[in-house]
Protein backbone atom coordinates (compact mmCIF):
# COMPACT_ATOMS: atom_id res chain seq x y z
CA MET A 1 -17.67 -8.78 -1.97
CA GLN A 2 -14.62 -6.62 -2.35
CA LEU A 3 -12.71 -9.34 -4.28
CA ALA A 4 -15.40 -9.73 -6.53
CA PHE A 5 -15.69 -6.33 -7.21
CA CYS A 6 -12.31 -6.18 -7.97
CA ASN A 7 -12.00 -8.97 -10.14
CA ARG A 8 -15.18 -7.74 -12.21
CA PHE A 9 -13.61 -4.53 -12.74
CA SER A 10 -9.94 -5.67 -12.97
CA PHE A 11 -8.80 -3.47 -10.12
CA GLU A 12 -5.73 -3.99 -8.51
CA VAL A 13 -5.58 -3.46 -4.91
CA LYS A 14 -2.20 -3.07 -2.69
CA VAL A 15 -2.54 -3.27 0.89
CA CYS A 16 -0.01 -1.17 2.69
CA HIS A 17 0.92 -1.95 6.34
CA TYR A 18 2.60 0.59 8.96
CA PRO A 19 6.25 0.27 8.69
CA PRO A 20 8.04 -1.81 11.48
CA GLY A 21 8.66 -0.06 14.63
CA SER A 22 5.61 2.32 14.11
CA SER A 23 2.83 2.50 16.54
CA LYS A 24 -0.99 2.59 15.45
CA TRP A 25 -1.49 4.52 18.91
CA ASN A 26 0.92 7.23 18.18
CA PRO A 27 -0.73 10.31 16.56
CA ILE A 28 2.58 12.12 15.52
CA GLU A 29 3.57 9.29 13.42
CA HIS A 30 0.28 9.20 11.57
CA ARG A 31 0.80 12.79 10.90
CA MET A 32 4.12 12.51 9.66
CA PHE A 33 3.47 9.77 7.51
CA SER A 34 0.63 11.43 5.29
CA PHE A 35 2.95 14.01 4.52
CA ILE A 36 5.89 11.63 3.58
CA SER A 37 3.29 9.71 1.30
CA SER A 38 2.42 13.02 -0.01
CA ASN A 39 6.08 14.10 -0.91
CA TRP A 40 7.17 11.12 -2.65
CA ALA A 41 3.78 10.20 -4.45
CA GLY A 42 4.31 8.56 -7.85
CA GLN A 43 7.88 8.07 -7.30
CA PRO A 44 9.46 4.70 -7.14
CA PRO A 45 11.38 3.99 -3.95
CA LEU A 46 14.54 2.75 -5.83
CA GLY A 47 16.68 2.38 -2.66
CA TYR A 48 17.77 3.43 0.68
CA GLU A 49 19.26 6.64 -0.41
CA THR A 50 16.37 7.55 -2.37
CA VAL A 51 13.73 6.76 0.31
CA LEU A 52 15.94 8.82 2.91
CA LYS A 53 16.00 12.12 0.54
CA PHE A 54 12.10 11.66 0.17
CA ILE A 55 11.77 11.53 3.84
CA ARG A 56 14.33 14.24 4.71
CA THR A 57 12.70 16.68 2.36
CA THR A 58 9.38 16.40 3.67
CA LYS A 59 7.87 19.08 5.62
CA THR A 60 4.53 19.59 7.32
CA THR A 61 2.24 22.92 6.77
CA ALA A 62 3.21 23.83 10.43
CA GLY A 63 6.89 23.68 9.32
CA LEU A 64 7.86 20.35 10.86
CA LYS A 65 10.88 19.05 9.42
CA ILE A 66 11.54 15.19 9.49
CA ARG A 67 15.02 13.84 10.16
CA ALA A 68 15.93 10.32 8.95
CA PHE A 69 18.75 8.06 9.04
CA PHE A 70 19.75 4.30 8.94
CA LYS A 71 21.60 2.58 11.72
């Protein structure tokens, strides 16, 4: 039904999964991802440094700052 609806109205659907290593059972990750997603909404992730910049500049309304690095 969803596929037929999308095809009929020419909607494009993009499925996004949780990042590798994240847990669907960890509530703090869910709260962080929503703020990270809002912080970089509409911006293309053009490379690792760009992604890190968006993550590092994310702050929650409660003042939580997120640190990020690649190993």
